[in-house]
Amino acid sequence: MTLRVEVAIERWPLREPFEIAREVMHDLPLIAVTLTDSDGHKGRAEAAGVDYDGETPALMLAQIDAVAAQLHDDLSGTDLLDLMPAGGARNALDCALWDLRAKQRGVRVWASADLPAPKPVITAVTIGLGSLEDVRRRARSARGLPLIKLKVDARRHLELVRIVREELPEARLLIDANQSWTASLLADLMTDLIASGVELIEQPLPRGEDEALAILHSAIPICADESCTDRSSLPALQGRYQVVNIKLDKCGGFTEALALANEARAHGFDLMVGNMCGTSLGMAPAFLVAQLARWADLDGPLLQVGDRTHAMSFSQGVVQPPQPALWG
């Protein structure tokens, strides 16, 4: 029998405009997928897609429609790896399939995936780009949180780091340039970033220019985000990055995310698990992958006005495991 697939396009408004080096977001478009078997069991998931690669809800919907007739009862995540390319559409189907199998069997996803019972995770809370006043206001509102990720670009960087350090002297600090720096700028900033206690620099250079990192010898670990999609990315990252950021929308689902995590660790990379924004439904499978990671960035729901029913619990920078009624 073929699994019935339903796809809805949704828009989730943000609490305030969210600016990064390449864009300003006011709301989040995504797809919500439901897979239903012949006995009425349902598996749910969502995907925001990879916007900088041209993915849109309409494109992801079309990709799912193209394979709907091949979504049989005995379909596995491994089958999806062969059926579809990495990206948001496969992510939504794969995570919905894992949720469906959990509902069919009465076994949590973490157990089926041979993962340990999940524990609460410290998540980075992101401060987006903006005026100096906006960044200071957001930093003040984050007092008491253990882990902060600060968005920067080619013009706004050290001054923003200084402001965050003034307001949050005890917080661990990550920075994310979203491909906006040059190798020379990175080298020029390095001494000040070290002095400011920055513990991770995420995707400083444009993807495709990663070779410049091979001679940098950074004292701060550098994390590949846009440069890391799935396992096929790893050979080109070795000797250039020390960390890879696993996002389910990029790699195409929970199945590939676990495989990527294991292979990356085997090749000596540290792990970060991130998100393309989204609700708790999108964070839930990423939360399980984050059990394997050194850093987690799962604060998508905190940027939004609303969230799903049975939403994940966030408190003081710590996120709790998802309820089975939400996912998995």
Protein backbone atom coordinates (compact mmCIF):
# COMPACT_ATOMS: atom_id res chain seq x y z
CA MET A 1 0.00 0.00 0.00
CA THR A 2 1.07 3.56 -0.62
CA LEU A 3 1.39 5.94 2.31
CA ARG A 4 -0.88 8.96 2.04
CA VAL A 5 1.09 12.18 2.08
CA GLU A 6 -0.34 15.61 2.88
CA VAL A 7 1.71 18.78 2.54
CA ALA A 8 0.69 22.21 3.84
CA ILE A 9 2.56 25.45 3.20
CA GLU A 10 2.71 27.59 6.35
CA ARG A 11 4.16 30.97 7.37
CA TRP A 12 5.26 31.59 10.94
CA PRO A 13 5.74 35.25 11.93
CA LEU A 14 8.89 36.20 13.82
CA ARG A 15 8.91 38.25 17.02
CA GLU A 16 11.02 40.89 15.28
CA PRO A 17 12.96 41.11 12.01
CA PHE A 18 15.87 38.66 12.06
CA GLU A 19 18.91 39.90 10.14
CA ILE A 20 21.95 37.91 9.06
CA ALA A 21 24.71 38.81 6.61
CA ARG A 22 22.70 37.90 3.51
CA GLU A 23 19.07 38.73 4.36
CA VAL A 24 16.44 40.03 6.75
CA MET A 25 13.59 37.67 7.66
CA HIS A 26 10.17 38.83 8.87
CA ASP A 27 8.46 35.46 8.87
CA LEU A 28 9.34 31.86 8.16
CA PRO A 29 7.78 29.94 5.25
CA LEU A 30 7.91 26.18 5.60
CA ILE A 31 6.16 22.96 4.65
CA ALA A 32 4.39 20.69 7.12
CA VAL A 33 4.14 17.05 6.05
CA THR A 34 1.87 14.29 7.36
CA LEU A 35 2.29 10.64 6.34
CA THR A 36 -0.67 8.32 7.07
CA ASP A 37 -0.71 4.54 6.79
CA SER A 38 -3.70 2.29 6.10
CA ASP A 39 -4.37 1.87 9.83
CA GLY A 40 -4.55 5.60 10.43
CA HIS A 41 -1.17 6.05 12.11
CA LYS A 42 0.29 9.46 11.34
CA GLY A 43 3.83 10.76 11.19
CA ARG A 44 4.53 14.49 11.08
CA ALA A 45 7.47 16.71 10.23
CA GLU A 46 8.33 20.08 8.76
CA ALA A 47 11.06 21.67 6.67
CA ALA A 48 12.10 25.24 5.97
CA GLY A 49 14.42 24.23 3.14
CA VAL A 50 17.71 25.82 2.15
CA ASP A 51 16.80 29.27 0.91
CA TYR A 52 20.30 30.24 -0.24
CA ASP A 53 20.18 27.24 -2.60
CA GLY A 54 16.88 28.42 -4.04
CA GLU A 55 14.57 26.10 -2.11
CA THR A 56 11.06 27.40 -1.56
CA PRO A 57 7.94 25.77 -0.12
CA ALA A 58 6.50 25.49 -3.63
CA LEU A 59 9.62 23.73 -4.92
CA MET A 60 9.69 21.33 -1.96
CA LEU A 61 5.99 20.57 -2.47
CA ALA A 62 6.65 19.78 -6.13
CA GLN A 63 9.52 17.44 -5.20
CA ILE A 64 7.30 15.55 -2.78
CA ASP A 65 4.47 15.32 -5.32
CA ALA A 66 6.94 13.81 -7.80
CA VAL A 67 7.70 10.85 -5.51
CA ALA A 68 4.34 10.47 -3.71
CA ALA A 69 3.41 7.32 -5.64
CA GLN A 70 6.64 5.63 -4.48
CA LEU A 71 6.04 6.15 -0.76
CA HIS A 72 5.10 2.57 0.11
CA ASP A 73 4.37 1.06 3.51
CA ASP A 74 7.78 -0.60 3.74
CA LEU A 75 9.72 2.53 2.75
CA SER A 76 12.86 3.22 4.81
CA GLY A 77 15.00 6.27 5.35
CA THR A 78 17.74 4.55 3.35
CA ASP A 79 15.30 4.21 0.45
CA LEU A 80 14.69 7.96 0.57
CA LEU A 81 18.42 8.61 0.24
CA ASP A 82 18.27 6.90 -3.14
CA LEU A 83 14.91 8.38 -4.13
CA MET A 84 15.55 12.09 -3.52
CA PRO A 85 18.44 14.57 -3.30
CA ALA A 86 19.49 16.21 -0.05
CA GLY A 87 17.36 19.20 0.92
CA GLY A 88 14.20 20.27 2.66
CA ALA A 89 11.75 18.00 0.82
CA ARG A 90 13.63 14.85 1.74
CA ASN A 91 14.09 16.13 5.27
CA ALA A 92 10.35 16.54 5.75
CA LEU A 93 9.55 13.09 4.35
CA ASP A 94 12.34 11.35 6.23
CA CYS A 95 11.47 12.87 9.60
CA ALA A 96 7.75 12.20 9.05
CA LEU A 97 8.64 8.58 8.24
CA TRP A 98 10.63 8.21 11.48
CA ASP A 99 7.70 9.66 13.42
CA LEU A 100 5.28 7.34 11.65
CA ARG A 101 7.37 4.26 12.48
CA ALA A 102 7.51 5.37 16.13
CA LYS A 103 3.71 5.67 16.22
CA GLN A 104 3.24 2.30 14.48
CA ARG A 105 5.61 0.41 16.77
CA GLY A 106 5.17 2.31 20.02
CA VAL A 107 8.94 2.70 20.18
CA ARG A 108 10.62 6.10 20.49
CA VAL A 109 12.82 7.20 17.61
CA TRP A 110 15.91 7.42 19.79
CA ALA A 111 15.54 3.76 20.72
CA SER A 112 14.97 2.66 17.11
CA ALA A 113 18.05 4.64 16.08
CA ASP A 114 20.18 2.99 18.80
CA LEU A 115 20.73 6.31 20.55
CA PRO A 116 20.87 6.69 24.33
CA ALA A 117 17.83 8.14 26.09
CA PRO A 118 18.01 11.87 25.34
CA LYS A 119 19.08 14.38 27.97
CA PRO A 120 18.39 18.13 28.12
CA VAL A 121 20.64 20.18 25.84
CA ILE A 122 22.13 23.64 26.24
CA THR A 123 21.16 25.54 23.11
CA ALA A 124 22.73 28.67 21.71
CA VAL A 125 20.38 31.63 21.71
CA THR A 126 20.96 33.80 18.65
CA ILE A 127 21.37 37.57 18.55
CA GLY A 128 20.76 38.77 15.01
CA LEU A 129 22.43 41.66 13.24
CA GLY A 130 21.09 45.15 13.79
CA SER A 131 22.00 48.56 15.10
CA LEU A 132 24.31 48.84 18.08
CA GLU A 133 21.30 49.74 20.19
CA ASP A 134 19.32 46.70 19.01
CA VAL A 135 22.20 44.33 19.67
CA ARG A 136 22.68 45.77 23.16
CA ARG A 137 18.97 45.45 23.89
CA ARG A 138 18.92 41.83 22.74
CA ALA A 139 22.06 41.04 24.72
CA ARG A 140 20.50 42.51 27.88
CA SER A 141 17.42 40.36 27.37
CA ALA A 142 19.71 37.31 27.20
CA ARG A 143 21.30 37.82 30.62
CA GLY A 144 21.68 34.57 32.49
CA LEU A 145 21.77 32.43 29.34
CA PRO A 146 24.83 30.19 29.07
CA LEU A 147 25.46 30.14 25.30
CA ILE A 148 25.04 32.99 22.80
CA LYS A 149 25.46 32.99 19.03
CA LEU A 150 26.07 36.42 17.53
CA LYS A 151 25.45 37.16 13.87
CA VAL A 152 28.08 39.38 12.24
CA ASP A 153 29.00 40.56 8.75
CA ALA A 154 31.90 42.21 6.93
CA ARG A 155 31.25 45.65 8.48
CA ARG A 156 29.69 44.84 11.84
CA HIS A 157 31.78 42.48 13.92
CA LEU A 158 34.17 43.51 16.72
CA GLU A 159 31.95 46.32 17.96
CA LEU A 160 29.04 43.90 18.27
CA VAL A 161 31.26 41.39 20.07
CA ARG A 162 32.35 44.14 22.46
CA ILE A 163 28.73 45.06 23.22
CA VAL A 164 27.74 41.48 23.87
CA ARG A 165 30.76 40.98 26.11
CA GLU A 166 29.86 44.11 28.10
CA GLU A 167 26.33 42.87 28.69
CA LEU A 168 27.09 39.14 28.95
CA PRO A 169 30.60 38.74 30.36
CA GLU A 170 30.01 35.19 31.59
CA ALA A 171 28.27 33.74 28.54
CA ARG A 172 30.00 31.40 26.14
CA LEU A 173 30.10 33.11 22.75
CA LEU A 174 29.89 31.80 19.19
CA ILE A 175 29.90 34.06 16.13
CA ASP A 176 28.45 33.42 12.67
CA ALA A 177 29.49 35.44 9.62
CA ASN A 178 27.29 33.55 7.13
CA GLN A 179 29.99 33.61 4.40
CA SER A 180 30.49 37.38 4.58
CA TRP A 181 34.19 37.63 5.47
CA THR A 182 37.39 37.37 3.49
CA ALA A 183 40.43 35.41 4.59
CA SER A 184 42.33 38.64 5.25
CA LEU A 185 39.52 40.04 7.41
CA LEU A 186 39.38 36.82 9.39
CA ALA A 187 43.13 37.00 10.00
CA ASP A 188 42.91 40.66 11.01
CA LEU A 189 40.15 39.99 13.54
CA MET A 190 41.57 36.84 15.05
CA THR A 191 43.58 38.39 17.91
CA ASP A 192 40.61 40.42 19.12
CA LEU A 193 38.25 37.47 18.80
CA ILE A 194 40.56 35.34 20.91
CA ALA A 195 40.82 38.10 23.51
CA SER A 196 37.02 38.34 23.62
CA GLY A 197 36.68 34.67 24.43
CA VAL A 198 34.95 33.65 21.20
CA GLU A 199 34.92 29.85 21.20
CA LEU A 200 33.68 29.12 17.67
CA ILE A 201 33.59 30.94 14.32
CA GLU A 202 30.89 29.69 11.98
CA GLN A 203 31.29 29.87 8.17
CA PRO A 204 33.45 32.98 7.90
CA LEU A 205 34.27 32.60 4.19
CA PRO A 206 32.03 31.97 1.18
CA ARG A 207 31.70 28.30 0.32
CA GLY A 208 34.02 27.53 -2.52
CA GLU A 209 36.76 29.65 -0.93
CA ASP A 210 37.43 27.17 1.88
CA GLU A 211 40.95 26.42 0.69
CA ALA A 212 42.14 29.69 2.26
CA LEU A 213 41.48 28.19 5.69
CA ALA A 214 44.12 25.49 5.17
CA ILE A 215 46.93 27.96 5.91
CA LEU A 216 45.19 30.00 8.60
CA HIS A 217 45.90 27.76 11.63
CA SER A 218 43.14 29.40 13.66
CA ALA A 219 43.34 29.21 17.45
CA ILE A 220 39.53 29.28 17.46
CA PRO A 221 37.72 26.29 15.90
CA ILE A 222 36.10 27.15 12.58
CA CYS A 223 32.78 25.53 11.71
CA ALA A 224 31.54 24.67 8.23
CA ASP A 225 27.86 25.50 7.79
CA GLU A 226 26.99 26.44 4.22
CA SER A 227 30.07 24.47 3.10
CA CYS A 228 28.74 21.28 4.72
CA THR A 229 25.67 19.61 3.28
CA ASP A 230 25.86 15.83 3.67
CA ARG A 231 28.57 13.16 3.89
CA SER A 232 29.79 13.97 0.40
CA SER A 233 31.01 17.35 1.72
CA LEU A 234 33.45 15.96 4.25
CA PRO A 235 36.55 15.26 2.09
CA ALA A 236 36.75 18.91 0.96
CA LEU A 237 36.45 20.18 4.55
CA GLN A 238 39.34 18.22 6.05
CA GLY A 239 42.34 20.34 6.96
CA ARG A 240 40.23 23.47 6.61
CA TYR A 241 37.49 23.21 9.24
CA GLN A 242 37.50 21.67 12.68
CA VAL A 243 33.72 21.54 13.13
CA VAL A 244 30.74 20.79 10.89
CA ASN A 245 27.25 22.17 11.43
CA ILE A 246 24.63 19.49 10.75
CA LYS A 247 21.25 20.85 9.73
CA LEU A 248 18.52 18.45 8.70
CA ASP A 249 17.28 20.72 5.93
CA LYS A 250 20.75 20.75 4.37
CA CYS A 251 21.59 17.07 4.65
CA GLY A 252 18.06 15.88 3.89
CA GLY A 253 16.71 14.29 7.03
CA PHE A 254 17.34 12.45 10.27
CA THR A 255 18.70 9.37 8.51
CA GLU A 256 21.47 11.25 6.74
CA ALA A 257 22.08 13.49 9.78
CA LEU A 258 22.97 10.46 11.91
CA ALA A 259 25.20 9.03 9.18
CA LEU A 260 26.89 12.41 8.71
CA ALA A 261 27.44 12.78 12.46
CA ASN A 262 29.07 9.38 12.73
CA GLU A 263 31.27 9.80 9.68
CA ALA A 264 32.30 13.34 10.64
CA ARG A 265 33.32 12.22 14.14
CA ALA A 266 35.26 9.31 12.65
CA HIS A 267 37.23 11.83 10.58
CA GLY A 268 38.05 13.99 13.60
CA PHE A 269 35.47 16.75 13.26
CA ASP A 270 33.62 18.19 16.22
CA LEU A 271 29.88 18.58 15.71
CA MET A 272 27.41 21.41 15.89
CA VAL A 273 23.71 20.84 15.22
CA GLY A 274 21.83 23.84 13.90
CA ASN A 275 18.57 24.83 12.27
CA MET A 276 17.13 26.89 9.44
CA CYS A 277 14.59 28.31 11.91
CA GLY A 278 11.32 26.49 12.46
CA THR A 279 8.96 25.29 15.12
CA SER A 280 9.46 22.63 17.78
CA LEU A 281 8.43 20.05 15.16
CA GLY A 282 11.57 20.92 13.21
CA MET A 283 13.78 21.05 16.30
CA ALA A 284 12.68 17.64 17.69
CA PRO A 285 14.69 15.37 15.34
CA ALA A 286 17.64 17.78 15.43
CA PHE A 287 17.54 17.54 19.24
CA LEU A 288 18.30 13.82 19.02
CA VAL A 289 21.27 14.45 16.71
CA ALA A 290 22.43 17.14 19.15
CA GLN A 291 22.94 14.41 21.74
CA LEU A 292 26.08 13.58 19.74
CA ALA A 293 27.30 17.18 19.33
CA ARG A 294 29.54 19.60 21.21
CA TRP A 295 27.37 22.60 20.31
CA ALA A 296 23.63 22.87 19.71
CA ASP A 297 21.77 25.75 18.08
CA LEU A 298 18.09 24.84 18.33
CA ASP A 299 16.52 28.17 19.25
CA GLY A 300 14.32 28.53 16.15
CA PRO A 301 11.06 28.52 18.12
CA LEU A 302 12.32 31.30 20.40
CA LEU A 303 12.50 33.66 17.42
CA GLN A 304 8.83 33.13 16.53
CA VAL A 305 5.52 34.47 17.81
CA GLY A 306 4.00 31.00 18.15
CA ASP A 307 4.84 27.30 18.23
CA ARG A 308 3.25 23.87 17.79
CA THR A 309 0.95 22.16 20.24
CA HIS A 310 3.06 20.03 22.60
CA ALA A 311 5.97 22.42 21.98
CA MET A 312 9.42 21.67 23.30
CA SER A 313 10.30 23.31 26.61
CA PHE A 314 12.99 26.02 26.59
CA SER A 315 14.14 27.55 29.88
CA GLN A 316 17.29 29.55 30.63
CA GLY A 317 19.00 28.29 27.50
CA VAL A 318 18.22 24.63 28.12
CA VAL A 319 15.83 22.65 25.92
CA GLN A 320 14.11 19.49 27.11
CA PRO A 321 13.48 16.34 25.03
CA PRO A 322 10.38 16.38 22.81
CA GLN A 323 7.16 14.72 23.95
CA PRO A 324 6.01 11.76 21.83
CA ALA A 325 2.82 13.70 21.04
CA LEU A 326 5.01 16.22 19.18
CA TRP A 327 7.42 13.88 17.36
CA GLY A 328 9.23 10.61 17.69
